[in-house]
Amino acid sequence: MAETSFERTGGGMPEQGGESGGAPQEASVSFEEAMEQLEAIVAKLESGDVPLEQAIELFQEGMRLSQLCGSKLEQVERKIEMLIETEQGLQRKPFAPEE
């Protein structure tokens, strides 16, 4: 099972503020790594074998990772352009997911 940042930090939440705060670490975590960490947290919480205090910390870490993944997906969506073939040739069109 993949080690979460929660486990690497000894079970506590990363401290806010200061030089070791959220943004630099989040930028270095890939989408895939964040998803693996999130899946590990969900599995632990679903097992029900986690003390309440640790479950709250895991939940908070999971929410942070969820927001990070959502942000990374939004960034990628903004970069995607669909090429549409028209009578005039190829045109660029911003990505708009079908809903």
PDB file of N, CA and C in Angstrom:
ATOM      1  N   MET A   1       0.835  -1.179   0.000  1.00  0.00           N
ATOM      2  CA  MET A   1       0.000   0.000   0.000  1.00  0.00           C
ATOM      3  C   MET A   1       0.879   1.241   0.000  1.00  0.00           C
ATOM      4  N   ALA A   2       0.448   2.258  -0.745  1.00  0.00           N
ATOM      5  CA  ALA A   2       1.233   3.488  -0.857  1.00  0.00           C
ATOM      6  C   ALA A   2       1.222   4.246   0.461  1.00  0.00           C
ATOM      7  N   GLU A   3       2.357   4.830   0.772  1.00  0.00           N
ATOM      8  CA  GLU A   3       2.471   5.619   1.992  1.00  0.00           C
ATOM      9  C   GLU A   3       1.893   7.009   1.735  1.00  0.00           C
ATOM     10  N   THR A   4       1.042   7.468   2.610  1.00  0.00           N
ATOM     11  CA  THR A   4       0.465   8.799   2.439  1.00  0.00           C
ATOM     12  C   THR A   4       1.361   9.847   3.067  1.00  0.00           C
ATOM     13  N   SER A   5       1.153  11.096   2.670  1.00  0.00           N
ATOM     14  CA  SER A   5       1.929  12.165   3.297  1.00  0.00           C
ATOM     15  C   SER A   5       1.577  12.239   4.775  1.00  0.00           C
ATOM     16  N   PHE A   6       0.368  11.803   5.119  1.00  0.00           N
ATOM     17  CA  PHE A   6      -0.062  11.740   6.511  1.00  0.00           C
ATOM     18  C   PHE A   6       0.871  10.810   7.280  1.00  0.00           C
ATOM     19  N   GLU A   7       1.160   9.640   6.688  1.00  0.00           N
ATOM     20  CA  GLU A   7       2.031   8.680   7.361  1.00  0.00           C
ATOM     21  C   GLU A   7       3.474   9.176   7.403  1.00  0.00           C
ATOM     22  N   ARG A   8       3.923   9.840   6.334  1.00  0.00           N
ATOM     23  CA  ARG A   8       5.302  10.312   6.297  1.00  0.00           C
ATOM     24  C   ARG A   8       5.558  11.389   7.335  1.00  0.00           C
ATOM     25  N   THR A   9       4.520  12.150   7.698  1.00  0.00           N
ATOM     26  CA  THR A   9       4.707  13.220   8.659  1.00  0.00           C
ATOM     27  C   THR A   9       4.457  12.754  10.083  1.00  0.00           C
ATOM     28  N   GLY A  10       4.290  11.457  10.272  1.00  0.00           N
ATOM     29  CA  GLY A  10       4.126  10.930  11.623  1.00  0.00           C
ATOM     30  C   GLY A  10       2.713  11.034  12.142  1.00  0.00           C
ATOM     31  N   GLY A  11       1.734  11.158  11.230  1.00  0.00           N
ATOM     32  CA  GLY A  11       0.354  11.132  11.668  1.00  0.00           C
ATOM     33  C   GLY A  11      -0.268  12.489  11.875  1.00  0.00           C
ATOM     34  N   GLY A  12       0.487  13.559  11.817  1.00  0.00           N
ATOM     35  CA  GLY A  12      -0.086  14.887  12.019  1.00  0.00           C
ATOM     36  C   GLY A  12      -0.309  15.587  10.708  1.00  0.00           C
ATOM     37  N   MET A  13      -1.084  16.629  10.760  1.00  0.00           N
ATOM     38  CA  MET A  13      -1.309  17.447   9.583  1.00  0.00           C
ATOM     39  C   MET A  13      -0.073  18.306   9.349  1.00  0.00           C
ATOM     40  N   PRO A  14       0.225  18.594   8.074  1.00  0.00           N
ATOM     41  CA  PRO A  14       1.335  19.507   7.829  1.00  0.00           C
ATOM     42  C   PRO A  14       1.022  20.860   8.448  1.00  0.00           C
ATOM     43  N   GLU A  15       2.038  21.479   9.007  1.00  0.00           N
ATOM     44  CA  GLU A  15       1.816  22.765   9.655  1.00  0.00           C
ATOM     45  C   GLU A  15       1.519  23.813   8.611  1.00  0.00           C
ATOM     46  N   GLN A  16       0.573  24.695   8.926  1.00  0.00           N
ATOM     47  CA  GLN A  16       0.236  25.787   8.038  1.00  0.00           C
ATOM     48  C   GLN A  16       1.182  26.934   8.295  1.00  0.00           C
ATOM     49  N   GLY A  17       1.465  27.701   7.240  1.00  0.00           N
ATOM     50  CA  GLY A  17       2.372  28.828   7.389  1.00  0.00           C
ATOM     51  C   GLY A  17       3.800  28.341   7.414  1.00  0.00           C
ATOM     52  N   GLY A  18       4.724  29.265   7.501  1.00  0.00           N
ATOM     53  CA  GLY A  18       6.133  28.882   7.543  1.00  0.00           C
ATOM     54  C   GLY A  18       6.594  28.378   6.198  1.00  0.00           C
ATOM     55  N   GLU A  19       7.836  27.989   6.121  1.00  0.00           N
ATOM     56  CA  GLU A  19       8.398  27.566   4.858  1.00  0.00           C
ATOM     57  C   GLU A  19       7.999  26.158   4.482  1.00  0.00           C
ATOM     58  N   SER A  20       7.612  25.319   5.438  1.00  0.00           N
ATOM     59  CA  SER A  20       7.241  23.952   5.121  1.00  0.00           C
ATOM     60  C   SER A  20       5.747  23.814   4.890  1.00  0.00           C
ATOM     61  N   GLY A  21       5.006  24.917   4.752  1.00  0.00           N
ATOM     62  CA  GLY A  21       3.565  24.912   4.560  1.00  0.00           C
ATOM     63  C   GLY A  21       3.155  24.325   3.233  1.00  0.00           C
ATOM     64  N   GLY A  22       1.857  24.313   2.960  1.00  0.00           N
ATOM     65  CA  GLY A  22       1.210  23.586   1.897  1.00  0.00           C
ATOM     66  C   GLY A  22       1.699  23.764   0.477  1.00  0.00           C
ATOM     67  N   ALA A  23       1.814  24.946  -0.067  1.00  0.00           N
ATOM     68  CA  ALA A  23       1.997  25.151  -1.494  1.00  0.00           C
ATOM     69  C   ALA A  23       3.216  24.468  -2.095  1.00  0.00           C
ATOM     70  N   PRO A  24       4.431  24.596  -1.543  1.00  0.00           N
ATOM     71  CA  PRO A  24       5.573  23.953  -2.195  1.00  0.00           C
ATOM     72  C   PRO A  24       5.431  22.442  -2.273  1.00  0.00           C
ATOM     73  N   GLN A  25       4.939  21.794  -1.237  1.00  0.00           N
ATOM     74  CA  GLN A  25       4.765  20.351  -1.256  1.00  0.00           C
ATOM     75  C   GLN A  25       3.690  19.955  -2.257  1.00  0.00           C
ATOM     76  N   GLU A  26       2.574  20.690  -2.313  1.00  0.00           N
ATOM     77  CA  GLU A  26       1.490  20.362  -3.216  1.00  0.00           C
ATOM     78  C   GLU A  26       1.943  20.441  -4.661  1.00  0.00           C
ATOM     79  N   ALA A  27       2.775  21.421  -4.990  1.00  0.00           N
ATOM     80  CA  ALA A  27       3.246  21.582  -6.357  1.00  0.00           C
ATOM     81  C   ALA A  27       4.107  20.390  -6.779  1.00  0.00           C
ATOM     82  N   SER A  28       4.783  19.753  -5.843  1.00  0.00           N
ATOM     83  CA  SER A  28       5.668  18.644  -6.177  1.00  0.00           C
ATOM     84  C   SER A  28       4.940  17.311  -6.249  1.00  0.00           C
ATOM     85  N   VAL A  29       3.691  17.249  -5.815  1.00  0.00           N
ATOM     86  CA  VAL A  29       2.926  16.008  -5.840  1.00  0.00           C
ATOM     87  C   VAL A  29       2.192  15.911  -7.174  1.00  0.00           C
ATOM     88  N   SER A  30       2.385  14.801  -7.892  1.00  0.00           N
ATOM     89  CA  SER A  30       1.689  14.617  -9.161  1.00  0.00           C
ATOM     90  C   SER A  30       0.237  14.232  -8.887  1.00  0.00           C
ATOM     91  N   PHE A  31      -0.578  14.356  -9.910  1.00  0.00           N
ATOM     92  CA  PHE A  31      -1.985  13.974  -9.797  1.00  0.00           C
ATOM     93  C   PHE A  31      -2.102  12.510  -9.392  1.00  0.00           C
ATOM     94  N   GLU A  32      -1.293  11.659 -10.019  1.00  0.00           N
ATOM     95  CA  GLU A  32      -1.352  10.224  -9.733  1.00  0.00           C
ATOM     96  C   GLU A  32      -0.961   9.917  -8.288  1.00  0.00           C
ATOM     97  N   GLU A  33       0.080  10.606  -7.789  1.00  0.00           N
ATOM     98  CA  GLU A  33       0.498  10.406  -6.395  1.00  0.00           C
ATOM     99  C   GLU A  33      -0.592  10.855  -5.432  1.00  0.00           C
ATOM    100  N   ALA A  34      -1.198  11.991  -5.726  1.00  0.00           N
ATOM    101  CA  ALA A  34      -2.266  12.504  -4.870  1.00  0.00           C
ATOM    102  C   ALA A  34      -3.453  11.534  -4.859  1.00  0.00           C
ATOM    103  N   MET A  35      -3.783  10.969  -6.015  1.00  0.00           N
ATOM    104  CA  MET A  35      -4.890  10.008  -6.083  1.00  0.00           C
ATOM    105  C   MET A  35      -4.569   8.740  -5.292  1.00  0.00           C
ATOM    106  N   GLU A  36      -3.326   8.265  -5.385  1.00  0.00           N
ATOM    107  CA  GLU A  36      -2.932   7.077  -4.613  1.00  0.00           C
ATOM    108  C   GLU A  36      -3.047   7.341  -3.117  1.00  0.00           C
ATOM    109  N   GLN A  37      -2.598   8.523  -2.686  1.00  0.00           N
ATOM    110  CA  GLN A  37      -2.684   8.880  -1.273  1.00  0.00           C
ATOM    111  C   GLN A  37      -4.142   8.971  -0.845  1.00  0.00           C
ATOM    112  N   LEU A  38      -4.968   9.567  -1.690  1.00  0.00           N
ATOM    113  CA  LEU A  38      -6.383   9.711  -1.382  1.00  0.00           C
ATOM    114  C   LEU A  38      -7.058   8.342  -1.280  1.00  0.00           C
ATOM    115  N   GLU A  39      -6.740   7.441  -2.198  1.00  0.00           N
ATOM    116  CA  GLU A  39      -7.308   6.089  -2.155  1.00  0.00           C
ATOM    117  C   GLU A  39      -6.899   5.351  -0.875  1.00  0.00           C
ATOM    118  N   ALA A  40      -5.648   5.530  -0.444  1.00  0.00           N
ATOM    119  CA  ALA A  40      -5.176   4.884   0.785  1.00  0.00           C
ATOM    120  C   ALA A  40      -5.932   5.430   1.993  1.00  0.00           C
ATOM    121  N   ILE A  41      -6.171   6.733   2.009  1.00  0.00           N
ATOM    122  CA  ILE A  41      -6.908   7.348   3.114  1.00  0.00           C
ATOM    123  C   ILE A  41      -8.339   6.828   3.150  1.00  0.00           C
ATOM    124  N   VAL A  42      -8.969   6.757   1.993  1.00  0.00           N
ATOM    125  CA  VAL A  42     -10.350   6.265   1.923  1.00  0.00           C
ATOM    126  C   VAL A  42     -10.423   4.827   2.431  1.00  0.00           C
ATOM    127  N   ALA A  43      -9.461   3.993   2.027  1.00  0.00           N
ATOM    128  CA  ALA A  43      -9.448   2.600   2.471  1.00  0.00           C
ATOM    129  C   ALA A  43      -9.328   2.513   3.994  1.00  0.00           C
ATOM    130  N   LYS A  44      -8.454   3.345   4.578  1.00  0.00           N
ATOM    131  CA  LYS A  44      -8.297   3.338   6.036  1.00  0.00           C
ATOM    132  C   LYS A  44      -9.583   3.768   6.729  1.00  0.00           C
ATOM    133  N   LEU A  45     -10.201   4.828   6.211  1.00  0.00           N
ATOM    134  CA  LEU A  45     -11.427   5.319   6.837  1.00  0.00           C
ATOM    135  C   LEU A  45     -12.558   4.317   6.690  1.00  0.00           C
ATOM    136  N   GLU A  46     -12.634   3.649   5.550  1.00  0.00           N
ATOM    137  CA  GLU A  46     -13.686   2.658   5.332  1.00  0.00           C
ATOM    138  C   GLU A  46     -13.496   1.419   6.197  1.00  0.00           C
ATOM    139  N   SER A  47     -12.261   1.130   6.590  1.00  0.00           N
ATOM    140  CA  SER A  47     -12.010  -0.058   7.408  1.00  0.00           C
ATOM    141  C   SER A  47     -12.650   0.073   8.784  1.00  0.00           C
ATOM    142  N   GLY A  48     -12.785   1.309   9.268  1.00  0.00           N
ATOM    143  CA  GLY A  48     -13.409   1.536  10.564  1.00  0.00           C
ATOM    144  C   GLY A  48     -12.506   1.246  11.752  1.00  0.00           C
ATOM    145  N   ASP A  49     -11.267   0.889  11.499  1.00  0.00           N
ATOM    146  CA  ASP A  49     -10.330   0.548  12.578  1.00  0.00           C
ATOM    147  C   ASP A  49      -9.434   1.715  12.968  1.00  0.00           C
ATOM    148  N   VAL A  50      -9.896   2.939  12.721  1.00  0.00           N
ATOM    149  CA  VAL A  50      -9.083   4.125  12.976  1.00  0.00           C
ATOM    150  C   VAL A  50      -9.700   4.894  14.145  1.00  0.00           C
ATOM    151  N   PRO A  51      -8.890   5.248  15.141  1.00  0.00           N
ATOM    152  CA  PRO A  51      -9.417   6.051  16.251  1.00  0.00           C
ATOM    153  C   PRO A  51      -9.983   7.379  15.726  1.00  0.00           C
ATOM    154  N   LEU A  52     -10.928   7.934  16.444  1.00  0.00           N
ATOM    155  CA  LEU A  52     -11.633   9.143  16.001  1.00  0.00           C
ATOM    156  C   LEU A  52     -10.683  10.288  15.666  1.00  0.00           C
ATOM    157  N   GLU A  53      -9.727  10.573  16.528  1.00  0.00           N
ATOM    158  CA  GLU A  53      -8.795  11.681  16.284  1.00  0.00           C
ATOM    159  C   GLU A  53      -8.031  11.477  14.977  1.00  0.00           C
ATOM    160  N   GLN A  54      -7.558  10.264  14.755  1.00  0.00           N
ATOM    161  CA  GLN A  54      -6.819   9.970  13.526  1.00  0.00           C
ATOM    162  C   GLN A  54      -7.756  10.022  12.321  1.00  0.00           C
ATOM    163  N   ALA A  55      -8.999   9.565  12.484  1.00  0.00           N
ATOM    164  CA  ALA A  55      -9.969   9.612  11.389  1.00  0.00           C
ATOM    165  C   ALA A  55     -10.235  11.050  10.959  1.00  0.00           C
ATOM    166  N   ILE A  56     -10.320  11.960  11.910  1.00  0.00           N
ATOM    167  CA  ILE A  56     -10.538  13.373  11.584  1.00  0.00           C
ATOM    168  C   ILE A  56      -9.342  13.922  10.809  1.00  0.00           C
ATOM    169  N   GLU A  57      -8.138  13.596  11.257  1.00  0.00           N
ATOM    170  CA  GLU A  57      -6.935  14.057  10.555  1.00  0.00           C
ATOM    171  C   GLU A  57      -6.861  13.457   9.154  1.00  0.00           C
ATOM    172  N   LEU A  58      -7.190  12.173   9.023  1.00  0.00           N
ATOM    173  CA  LEU A  58      -7.199  11.535   7.706  1.00  0.00           C
ATOM    174  C   LEU A  58      -8.228  12.199   6.799  1.00  0.00           C
ATOM    175  N   PHE A  59      -9.401  12.494   7.342  1.00  0.00           N
ATOM    176  CA  PHE A  59     -10.439  13.155   6.564  1.00  0.00           C
ATOM    177  C   PHE A  59      -9.957  14.510   6.060  1.00  0.00           C
ATOM    178  N   GLN A  60      -9.323  15.282   6.933  1.00  0.00           N
ATOM    179  CA  GLN A  60      -8.815  16.600   6.545  1.00  0.00           C
ATOM    180  C   GLN A  60      -7.749  16.475   5.449  1.00  0.00           C
ATOM    181  N   GLU A  61      -6.858  15.517   5.593  1.00  0.00           N
ATOM    182  CA  GLU A  61      -5.836  15.286   4.574  1.00  0.00           C
ATOM    183  C   GLU A  61      -6.495  14.859   3.262  1.00  0.00           C
ATOM    184  N   GLY A  62      -7.510  14.012   3.343  1.00  0.00           N
ATOM    185  CA  GLY A  62      -8.239  13.578   2.155  1.00  0.00           C
ATOM    186  C   GLY A  62      -8.919  14.737   1.444  1.00  0.00           C
ATOM    187  N   MET A  63      -9.500  15.647   2.204  1.00  0.00           N
ATOM    188  CA  MET A  63     -10.135  16.823   1.606  1.00  0.00           C
ATOM    189  C   MET A  63      -9.095  17.687   0.902  1.00  0.00           C
ATOM    190  N   ARG A  64      -7.937  17.864   1.517  1.00  0.00           N
ATOM    191  CA  ARG A  64      -6.870  18.658   0.899  1.00  0.00           C
ATOM    192  C   ARG A  64      -6.421  18.009  -0.412  1.00  0.00           C
ATOM    193  N   LEU A  65      -6.243  16.690  -0.395  1.00  0.00           N
ATOM    194  CA  LEU A  65      -5.824  15.978  -1.601  1.00  0.00           C
ATOM    195  C   LEU A  65      -6.898  16.037  -2.678  1.00  0.00           C
ATOM    196  N   SER A  66      -8.158  15.946  -2.280  1.00  0.00           N
ATOM    197  CA  SER A  66      -9.267  16.039  -3.221  1.00  0.00           C
ATOM    198  C   SER A  66      -9.274  17.403  -3.911  1.00  0.00           C
ATOM    199  N   GLN A  67      -9.069  18.456  -3.137  1.00  0.00           N
ATOM    200  CA  GLN A  67      -9.014  19.802  -3.713  1.00  0.00           C
ATOM    201  C   GLN A  67      -7.805  19.945  -4.641  1.00  0.00           C
ATOM    202  N   LEU A  68      -6.681  19.366  -4.263  1.00  0.00           N
ATOM    203  CA  LEU A  68      -5.485  19.410  -5.091  1.00  0.00           C
ATOM    204  C   LEU A  68      -5.742  18.717  -6.435  1.00  0.00           C
ATOM    205  N   CYS A  69      -6.363  17.537  -6.390  1.00  0.00           N
ATOM    206  CA  CYS A  69      -6.664  16.806  -7.623  1.00  0.00           C
ATOM    207  C   CYS A  69      -7.631  17.599  -8.502  1.00  0.00           C
ATOM    208  N   GLY A  70      -8.647  18.181  -7.900  1.00  0.00           N
ATOM    209  CA  GLY A  70      -9.597  18.987  -8.657  1.00  0.00           C
ATOM    210  C   GLY A  70      -8.922  20.169  -9.318  1.00  0.00           C
ATOM    211  N   SER A  71      -8.019  20.809  -8.606  1.00  0.00           N
ATOM    212  CA  SER A  71      -7.284  21.946  -9.143  1.00  0.00           C
ATOM    213  C   SER A  71      -6.402  21.525 -10.315  1.00  0.00           C
ATOM    214  N   LYS A  72      -5.724  20.397 -10.164  1.00  0.00           N
ATOM    215  CA  LYS A  72      -4.863  19.911 -11.247  1.00  0.00           C
ATOM    216  C   LYS A  72      -5.695  19.560 -12.480  1.00  0.00           C
ATOM    217  N   LEU A  73      -6.869  18.972 -12.298  1.00  0.00           N
ATOM    218  CA  LEU A  73      -7.737  18.651 -13.429  1.00  0.00           C
ATOM    219  C   LEU A  73      -8.215  19.921 -14.135  1.00  0.00           C
ATOM    220  N   GLU A  74      -8.552  20.947 -13.366  1.00  0.00           N
ATOM    221  CA  GLU A  74      -8.972  22.211 -13.963  1.00  0.00           C
ATOM    222  C   GLU A  74      -7.856  22.824 -14.788  1.00  0.00           C
ATOM    223  N   GLN A  75      -6.625  22.748 -14.291  1.00  0.00           N
ATOM    224  CA  GLN A  75      -5.481  23.280 -15.032  1.00  0.00           C
ATOM    225  C   GLN A  75      -5.316  22.558 -16.360  1.00  0.00           C
ATOM    226  N   VAL A  76      -5.470  21.247 -16.335  1.00  0.00           N
ATOM    227  CA  VAL A  76      -5.314  20.453 -17.554  1.00  0.00           C
ATOM    228  C   VAL A  76      -6.435  20.777 -18.534  1.00  0.00           C
ATOM    229  N   GLU A  77      -7.667  20.896 -18.037  1.00  0.00           N
ATOM    230  CA  GLU A  77      -8.788  21.216 -18.913  1.00  0.00           C
ATOM    231  C   GLU A  77      -8.570  22.540 -19.630  1.00  0.00           C
ATOM    232  N   ARG A  78      -7.981  23.526 -18.936  1.00  0.00           N
ATOM    233  CA  ARG A  78      -7.718  24.818 -19.556  1.00  0.00           C
ATOM    234  C   ARG A  78      -6.681  24.709 -20.661  1.00  0.00           C
ATOM    235  N   LYS A  79      -5.790  23.737 -20.563  1.00  0.00           N
ATOM    236  CA  LYS A  79      -4.732  23.581 -21.562  1.00  0.00           C
ATOM    237  C   LYS A  79      -5.198  22.820 -22.804  1.00  0.00           C
ATOM    238  N   ILE A  80      -6.233  22.001 -22.611  1.00  0.00           N
ATOM    239  CA  ILE A  80      -6.690  21.155 -23.720  1.00  0.00           C
ATOM    240  C   ILE A  80      -7.412  22.010 -24.755  1.00  0.00           C
ATOM    241  N   GLU A  81      -7.058  21.811 -25.956  1.00  0.00           N
ATOM    242  CA  GLU A  81      -7.762  22.466 -27.049  1.00  0.00           C
ATOM    243  C   GLU A  81      -8.178  21.393 -28.044  1.00  0.00           C
ATOM    244  N   MET A  82      -9.398  21.513 -28.510  1.00  0.00           N
ATOM    245  CA  MET A  82      -9.868  20.570 -29.513  1.00  0.00           C
ATOM    246  C   MET A  82      -9.662  21.196 -30.890  1.00  0.00           C
ATOM    247  N   LEU A  83      -9.187  20.420 -31.795  1.00  0.00           N
ATOM    248  CA  LEU A  83      -9.037  20.877 -33.168  1.00  0.00           C
ATOM    249  C   LEU A  83     -10.274  20.428 -33.942  1.00  0.00           C
ATOM    250  N   ILE A  84     -10.901  21.387 -34.580  1.00  0.00           N
ATOM    251  CA  ILE A  84     -12.113  21.095 -35.320  1.00  0.00           C
ATOM    252  C   ILE A  84     -11.855  21.364 -36.786  1.00  0.00           C
ATOM    253  N   GLU A  85     -12.140  20.373 -37.602  1.00  0.00           N
ATOM    254  CA  GLU A  85     -11.935  20.544 -39.027  1.00  0.00           C
ATOM    255  C   GLU A  85     -13.151  21.233 -39.628  1.00  0.00           C
ATOM    256  N   THR A  86     -12.910  22.346 -40.276  1.00  0.00           N
ATOM    257  CA  THR A  86     -13.974  23.088 -40.943  1.00  0.00           C
ATOM    258  C   THR A  86     -13.591  23.263 -42.408  1.00  0.00           C
ATOM    259  N   GLU A  87     -14.451  23.944 -43.125  1.00  0.00           N
ATOM    260  CA  GLU A  87     -14.167  24.197 -44.535  1.00  0.00           C
ATOM    261  C   GLU A  87     -12.914  25.050 -44.701  1.00  0.00           C
ATOM    262  N   GLN A  88     -12.609  25.885 -43.718  1.00  0.00           N
ATOM    263  CA  GLN A  88     -11.437  26.751 -43.782  1.00  0.00           C
ATOM    264  C   GLN A  88     -10.165  26.046 -43.281  1.00  0.00           C
ATOM    265  N   GLY A  89     -10.261  24.839 -42.832  1.00  0.00           N
ATOM    266  CA  GLY A  89      -9.107  24.127 -42.295  1.00  0.00           C
ATOM    267  C   GLY A  89      -9.339  23.795 -40.829  1.00  0.00           C
ATOM    268  N   LEU A  90      -8.253  23.673 -40.078  1.00  0.00           N
ATOM    269  CA  LEU A  90      -8.348  23.350 -38.658  1.00  0.00           C
ATOM    270  C   LEU A  90      -8.490  24.624 -37.836  1.00  0.00           C
ATOM    271  N   GLN A  91      -9.370  24.579 -36.854  1.00  0.00           N
ATOM    272  CA  GLN A  91      -9.547  25.704 -35.942  1.00  0.00           C
ATOM    273  C   GLN A  91      -9.327  25.212 -34.522  1.00  0.00           C
ATOM    274  N   ARG A  92      -8.839  26.101 -33.683  1.00  0.00           N
ATOM    275  CA  ARG A  92      -8.667  25.772 -32.267  1.00  0.00           C
ATOM    276  C   ARG A  92      -9.913  26.199 -31.509  1.00  0.00           C
ATOM    277  N   LYS A  93     -10.320  25.349 -30.613  1.00  0.00           N
ATOM    278  CA  LYS A  93     -11.493  25.650 -29.803  1.00  0.00           C
ATOM    279  C   LYS A  93     -11.189  25.231 -28.372  1.00  0.00           C
ATOM    280  N   PRO A  94     -11.486  26.065 -27.384  1.00  0.00           N
ATOM    281  CA  PRO A  94     -11.238  25.679 -25.979  1.00  0.00           C
ATOM    282  C   PRO A  94     -12.002  24.410 -25.619  1.00  0.00           C
ATOM    283  N   PHE A  95     -11.391  23.608 -24.766  1.00  0.00           N
ATOM    284  CA  PHE A  95     -12.012  22.383 -24.312  1.00  0.00           C
ATOM    285  C   PHE A  95     -13.251  22.684 -23.488  1.00  0.00           C
ATOM    286  N   ALA A  96     -14.352  22.053 -23.821  1.00  0.00           N
ATOM    287  CA  ALA A  96     -15.583  22.195 -23.049  1.00  0.00           C
ATOM    288  C   ALA A  96     -16.154  20.796 -22.866  1.00  0.00           C
ATOM    289  N   PRO A  97     -15.996  20.191 -21.678  1.00  0.00           N
ATOM    290  CA  PRO A  97     -16.492  18.826 -21.477  1.00  0.00           C
ATOM    291  C   PRO A  97     -18.004  18.763 -21.628  1.00  0.00           C
ATOM    292  N   GLU A  98     -18.474  17.672 -22.196  1.00  0.00           N
ATOM    293  CA  GLU A  98     -19.911  17.471 -22.341  1.00  0.00           C
ATOM    294  C   GLU A  98     -20.500  17.143 -20.985  1.00  0.00           C
ATOM    295  N   GLU A  99     -21.623  17.760 -20.707  1.00  0.00           N
ATOM    296  CA  GLU A  99     -22.240  17.530 -19.391  1.00  0.00           C
ATOM    297  C   GLU A  99     -23.509  16.764 -19.509  1.00  0.00           C
TER     298      GLU A  99
END
